[in-house]
C-alpha atoms as a PDB file:
ATOM      1  CA  MET A   1      13.902  23.050   4.225  1.00  0.00           C
ATOM      2  CA  PRO A   2      13.334  19.774   6.057  1.00  0.00           C
ATOM      3  CA  LEU A   3      10.312  17.616   4.429  1.00  0.00           C
ATOM      4  CA  PHE A   4       7.928  15.894   6.683  1.00  0.00           C
ATOM      5  CA  ARG A   5       5.460  12.887   6.177  1.00  0.00           C
ATOM      6  CA  LEU A   6       2.188  12.319   8.014  1.00  0.00           C
ATOM      7  CA  ALA A   7       0.058   9.618   7.885  1.00  0.00           C
ATOM      8  CA  TYR A   8      -3.542   9.232   9.364  1.00  0.00           C
ATOM      9  CA  ILE A   9      -6.496   6.824   9.294  1.00  0.00           C
ATOM     10  CA  SER A  10     -10.402   7.702   9.982  1.00  0.00           C
ATOM     11  CA  ARG A  11     -13.848   6.392   9.945  1.00  0.00           C
ATOM     12  CA  SER A  12     -15.610   7.631   7.054  1.00  0.00           C
ATOM     13  CA  LEU A  13     -18.946   8.981   7.477  1.00  0.00           C
ATOM     14  CA  VAL A  14     -19.434   9.546   3.749  1.00  0.00           C
ATOM     15  CA  SER A  15     -22.615   7.228   3.013  1.00  0.00           C
ATOM     16  CA  GLY A  16     -25.235   6.965   0.838  1.00  0.00           C
ATOM     17  CA  ASP A  17     -25.245   5.008  -2.892  1.00  0.00           C
ATOM     18  CA  ALA A  18     -22.465   4.407  -4.668  1.00  0.00           C
ATOM     19  CA  SER A  19     -22.856   7.374  -6.914  1.00  0.00           C
ATOM     20  CA  GLY A  20     -23.249   9.829  -3.448  1.00  0.00           C
ATOM     21  CA  GLU A  21     -20.228   8.484  -2.241  1.00  0.00           C
ATOM     22  CA  ARG A  22     -18.208   9.434  -5.545  1.00  0.00           C
ATOM     23  CA  HIS A  23     -19.689  12.664  -5.510  1.00  0.00           C
ATOM     24  CA  GLU A  24     -18.323  13.044  -1.731  1.00  0.00           C
ATOM     25  CA  ILE A  25     -15.099  11.856  -2.448  1.00  0.00           C
ATOM     26  CA  ALA A  26     -14.766  13.887  -5.458  1.00  0.00           C
ATOM     27  CA  ASP A  27     -15.574  16.957  -3.772  1.00  0.00           C
ATOM     28  CA  ILE A  28     -12.654  16.013  -1.094  1.00  0.00           C
ATOM     29  CA  LEU A  29     -10.469  15.506  -3.995  1.00  0.00           C
ATOM     30  CA  LEU A  30     -11.187  18.957  -5.442  1.00  0.00           C
ATOM     31  CA  THR A  31     -10.583  21.080  -2.274  1.00  0.00           C
ATOM     32  CA  SER A  32      -7.471  18.783  -1.272  1.00  0.00           C
ATOM     33  CA  ARG A  33      -6.056  19.335  -4.346  1.00  0.00           C
ATOM     34  CA  ARG A  34      -6.697  23.160  -4.426  1.00  0.00           C
ATOM     35  CA  ASN A  35      -5.053  23.599  -0.516  1.00  0.00           C
ATOM     36  CA  ASN A  36      -2.479  21.097  -1.117  1.00  0.00           C
ATOM     37  CA  GLU A  37      -1.057  22.836  -4.355  1.00  0.00           C
ATOM     38  CA  ALA A  38      -1.182  26.496  -2.755  1.00  0.00           C
ATOM     39  CA  ALA A  39       1.025  24.695   0.257  1.00  0.00           C
ATOM     40  CA  HIS A  40       3.473  22.669  -1.540  1.00  0.00           C
ATOM     41  CA  VAL A  41       1.820  19.651  -0.053  1.00  0.00           C
ATOM     42  CA  THR A  42       1.616  16.312  -1.966  1.00  0.00           C
ATOM     43  CA  GLY A  43       0.245  12.965  -0.713  1.00  0.00           C
ATOM     44  CA  ALA A  44      -2.484  10.387  -1.637  1.00  0.00           C
ATOM     45  CA  LEU A  45      -5.854   9.286  -0.093  1.00  0.00           C
ATOM     46  CA  LEU A  46      -7.193   5.790   0.369  1.00  0.00           C
ATOM     47  CA  ALA A  47     -10.864   5.889   0.161  1.00  0.00           C
ATOM     48  CA  MET A  48     -12.674   2.897   1.269  1.00  0.00           C
ATOM     49  CA  HIS A  49     -16.137   2.203   2.028  1.00  0.00           C
ATOM     50  CA  ASN A  50     -15.987   2.821   5.704  1.00  0.00           C
ATOM     51  CA  ARG A  51     -12.488   4.300   6.317  1.00  0.00           C
ATOM     52  CA  PHE A  52      -9.899   6.831   4.714  1.00  0.00           C
ATOM     53  CA  ALA A  53      -6.166   6.788   5.166  1.00  0.00           C
ATOM     54  CA  GLN A  54      -4.293   9.779   3.907  1.00  0.00           C
ATOM     55  CA  VAL A  55      -0.402  10.512   3.693  1.00  0.00           C
ATOM     56  CA  GLN A  56       0.615  13.905   3.203  1.00  0.00           C
ATOM     57  CA  GLU A  57       4.447  15.237   2.539  1.00  0.00           C
ATOM     58  CA  GLY A  58       5.850  18.625   2.712  1.00  0.00           C
ATOM     59  CA  ASP A  59       7.090  21.132   5.045  1.00  0.00           C
ATOM     60  CA  ARG A  60       6.124  20.552   8.501  1.00  0.00           C
ATOM     61  CA  ALA A  61       4.101  23.571   9.110  1.00  0.00           C
ATOM     62  CA  ALA A  62       1.983  23.087   5.941  1.00  0.00           C
ATOM     63  CA  VAL A  63       1.386  19.412   6.772  1.00  0.00           C
ATOM     64  CA  GLU A  64       0.526  20.163  10.462  1.00  0.00           C
ATOM     65  CA  GLU A  65      -2.012  23.015   9.056  1.00  0.00           C
ATOM     66  CA  THR A  66      -3.634  20.773   6.483  1.00  0.00           C
ATOM     67  CA  TYR A  67      -3.864  17.711   9.249  1.00  0.00           C
ATOM     68  CA  ARG A  68      -5.787  20.506  11.318  1.00  0.00           C
ATOM     69  CA  ARG A  69      -8.185  21.386   8.663  1.00  0.00           C
ATOM     70  CA  ILE A  70      -8.885  17.393   7.669  1.00  0.00           C
ATOM     71  CA  CYS A  71      -9.509  17.326  11.317  1.00  0.00           C
ATOM     72  CA  ALA A  72     -12.179  19.672  11.317  1.00  0.00           C
ATOM     73  CA  ASP A  73     -13.799  17.980   8.678  1.00  0.00           C
ATOM     74  CA  THR A  74     -17.184  16.661   9.398  1.00  0.00           C
ATOM     75  CA  ARG A  75     -17.220  13.623   6.495  1.00  0.00           C
ATOM     76  CA  HIS A  76     -14.963  11.419   9.087  1.00  0.00           C
ATOM     77  CA  THR A  77     -14.583  10.661  12.583  1.00  0.00           C
ATOM     78  CA  ASP A  78     -12.478   8.416  14.706  1.00  0.00           C
ATOM     79  CA  ILE A  79      -9.256  10.074  13.036  1.00  0.00           C
ATOM     80  CA  VAL A  80      -5.890   8.431  14.296  1.00  0.00           C
ATOM     81  CA  MET A  81      -2.504  10.172  13.240  1.00  0.00           C
ATOM     82  CA  VAL A  82      -0.047   7.097  12.736  1.00  0.00           C
ATOM     83  CA  LEU A  83       3.046   8.566  11.664  1.00  0.00           C
ATOM     84  CA  MET A  84       4.854  11.866  11.774  1.00  0.00           C
ATOM     85  CA  GLU A  85       8.394  11.667  10.630  1.00  0.00           C
ATOM     86  CA  PRO A  86      11.037  13.704   8.782  1.00  0.00           C
ATOM     87  CA  ILE A  87      12.068  12.273   5.009  1.00  0.00           C
ATOM     88  CA  ASN A  88      14.368  13.156   2.799  1.00  0.00           C
ATOM     89  CA  ALA A  89      12.355  12.717  -0.726  1.00  0.00           C
ATOM     90  CA  ARG A  90       8.756  12.995  -1.179  1.00  0.00           C
ATOM     91  CA  GLN A  91       7.128   9.569  -2.057  1.00  0.00           C
ATOM     92  CA  PHE A  92       4.356  11.373  -3.892  1.00  0.00           C
ATOM     93  CA  PRO A  93       6.124  14.156  -5.742  1.00  0.00           C
ATOM     94  CA  GLN A  94       3.799  14.459  -8.504  1.00  0.00           C
ATOM     95  CA  TRP A  95       0.373  14.219  -6.795  1.00  0.00           C
ATOM     96  CA  SER A  96      -1.308  17.429  -5.064  1.00  0.00           C
ATOM     97  CA  MET A  97      -3.642  14.504  -3.895  1.00  0.00           C
ATOM     98  CA  ALA A  98      -3.812  10.949  -5.359  1.00  0.00           C
ATOM     99  CA  CYS A  99      -6.797   9.033  -4.733  1.00  0.00           C
ATOM    100  CA  ILE A 100      -7.197   5.258  -4.727  1.00  0.00           C
ATOM    101  CA  GLY A 101     -10.748   4.523  -4.516  1.00  0.00           C
ATOM    102  CA  PRO A 102     -12.956   1.802  -2.885  1.00  0.00           C
ATOM    103  CA  SER A 103     -11.523  -1.801  -4.328  1.00  0.00           C
ATOM    104  CA  GLN A 104     -11.121  -5.306  -2.847  1.00  0.00           C
ATOM    105  CA  SER A 105      -7.550  -5.253  -3.145  1.00  0.00           C
ATOM    106  CA  ALA A 106      -7.333  -1.674  -1.426  1.00  0.00           C
ATOM    107  CA  ALA A 107      -9.504  -2.639   1.187  1.00  0.00           C
ATOM    108  CA  ALA A 108      -8.035  -5.735   1.789  1.00  0.00           C
ATOM    109  CA  ALA A 109      -4.642  -4.261   2.177  1.00  0.00           C
ATOM    110  CA  ALA A 110      -5.647  -1.197   4.349  1.00  0.00           C
ATOM    111  CA  GLU A 111      -7.135  -3.637   6.665  1.00  0.00           C
ATOM    112  CA  ARG A 112      -3.905  -6.207   6.977  1.00  0.00           C
ATOM    113  CA  VAL A 113      -1.939  -2.935   8.104  1.00  0.00           C
ATOM    114  CA  THR A 114      -4.791  -0.946  10.258  1.00  0.00           C
ATOM    115  CA  SER A 115      -6.212  -3.849  11.753  1.00  0.00           C
ATOM    116  CA  ASP A 116      -3.950  -3.543  14.749  1.00  0.00           C
ATOM    117  CA  VAL A 117      -3.776   0.375  15.576  1.00  0.00           C
ATOM    118  CA  PRO A 118      -1.396   0.146  18.555  1.00  0.00           C
ATOM    119  CA  HIS A 119       1.026  -1.864  16.064  1.00  0.00           C
ATOM    120  CA  PHE A 120       0.077   0.336  13.621  1.00  0.00           C
ATOM    121  CA  LYS A 121       1.131   3.835  15.463  1.00  0.00           C
ATOM    122  CA  THR A 122       4.790   2.230  16.190  1.00  0.00           C
ATOM    123  CA  GLY A 123       5.032   3.499  12.367  1.00  0.00           C
ATOM    124  CA  ASP A 124       5.678   0.090  10.626  1.00  0.00           C
ATOM    125  CA  GLY A 125       2.306  -0.338   9.727  1.00  0.00           C
ATOM    126  CA  ALA A 126       1.859   3.096   8.191  1.00  0.00           C
ATOM    127  CA  ARG A 127       4.921   2.954   6.133  1.00  0.00           C
ATOM    128  CA  ALA A 128       3.702  -0.222   4.784  1.00  0.00           C
ATOM    129  CA  LEU A 129       0.575   1.242   3.797  1.00  0.00           C
ATOM    130  CA  THR A 130       2.512   4.687   2.506  1.00  0.00           C
ATOM    131  CA  ASP A 131       4.587   1.854   0.415  1.00  0.00           C
ATOM    132  CA  PHE A 132       1.340   0.150  -0.583  1.00  0.00           C
ATOM    133  CA  MET A 133      -0.416   3.690  -1.888  1.00  0.00           C
ATOM    134  CA  SER A 134       2.957   4.471  -3.771  1.00  0.00           C
ATOM    135  CA  ARG A 135       2.922   0.983  -5.697  1.00  0.00           C
ATOM    136  CA  MET A 136      -0.751   1.203  -6.629  1.00  0.00           C
ATOM    137  CA  LEU A 137      -0.340   4.579  -7.858  1.00  0.00           C
ATOM    138  CA  ALA A 138       3.187   4.229  -9.931  1.00  0.00           C
ATOM    139  CA  VAL A 139       1.261   3.072 -12.929  1.00  0.00           C
ATOM    140  CA  GLU A 140      -1.292   5.827 -12.767  1.00  0.00           C
ATOM    141  CA  ALA A 141       1.595   8.660 -12.118  1.00  0.00           C
ATOM    142  CA  PRO A 142       0.765  11.911 -13.828  1.00  0.00           C
ATOM    143  CA  THR A 143       3.849  12.983 -16.428  1.00  0.00           C
ATOM    144  CA  PRO A 144       5.129  16.279 -15.910  1.00  0.00           C
ATOM    145  CA  ALA A 145       3.701  19.041 -17.942  1.00  0.00           C
ATOM    146  CA  ALA A 146       5.687  20.100 -21.255  1.00  0.00           C
ATOM    147  CA  ASN A 147       7.163  23.954 -21.198  1.00  0.00           C
END
């Protein structure tokens, strides 16, 4: 079964104080992890104060269904799919949904690769963002559960 990677960016509608924002993102992660585990989808979410970027990997039908569900979520708008391509291996195999929270370095990196959406849609910017997210998570990767 071939694997696919999908990436999108969107404008976050999660608002309020930092505590409220953390609560909303925690809710997004809880639901995403449950749904992704059932669908065998892996990936990562970059959650900034006013923008989301997400990468999903898995079977094409599962990834597309997950994306349709995400597009219906009212916690964000201006959703732009920036990458959909076949892949040989998952970049986020241990994560049903990893999260990189708001930080200055994450926001700066995301701004660099998403500032020009037409260029970003060529895939190069999306691949750069995916690589950045993977490097950010490399030190946080969960260890496989012991049998």
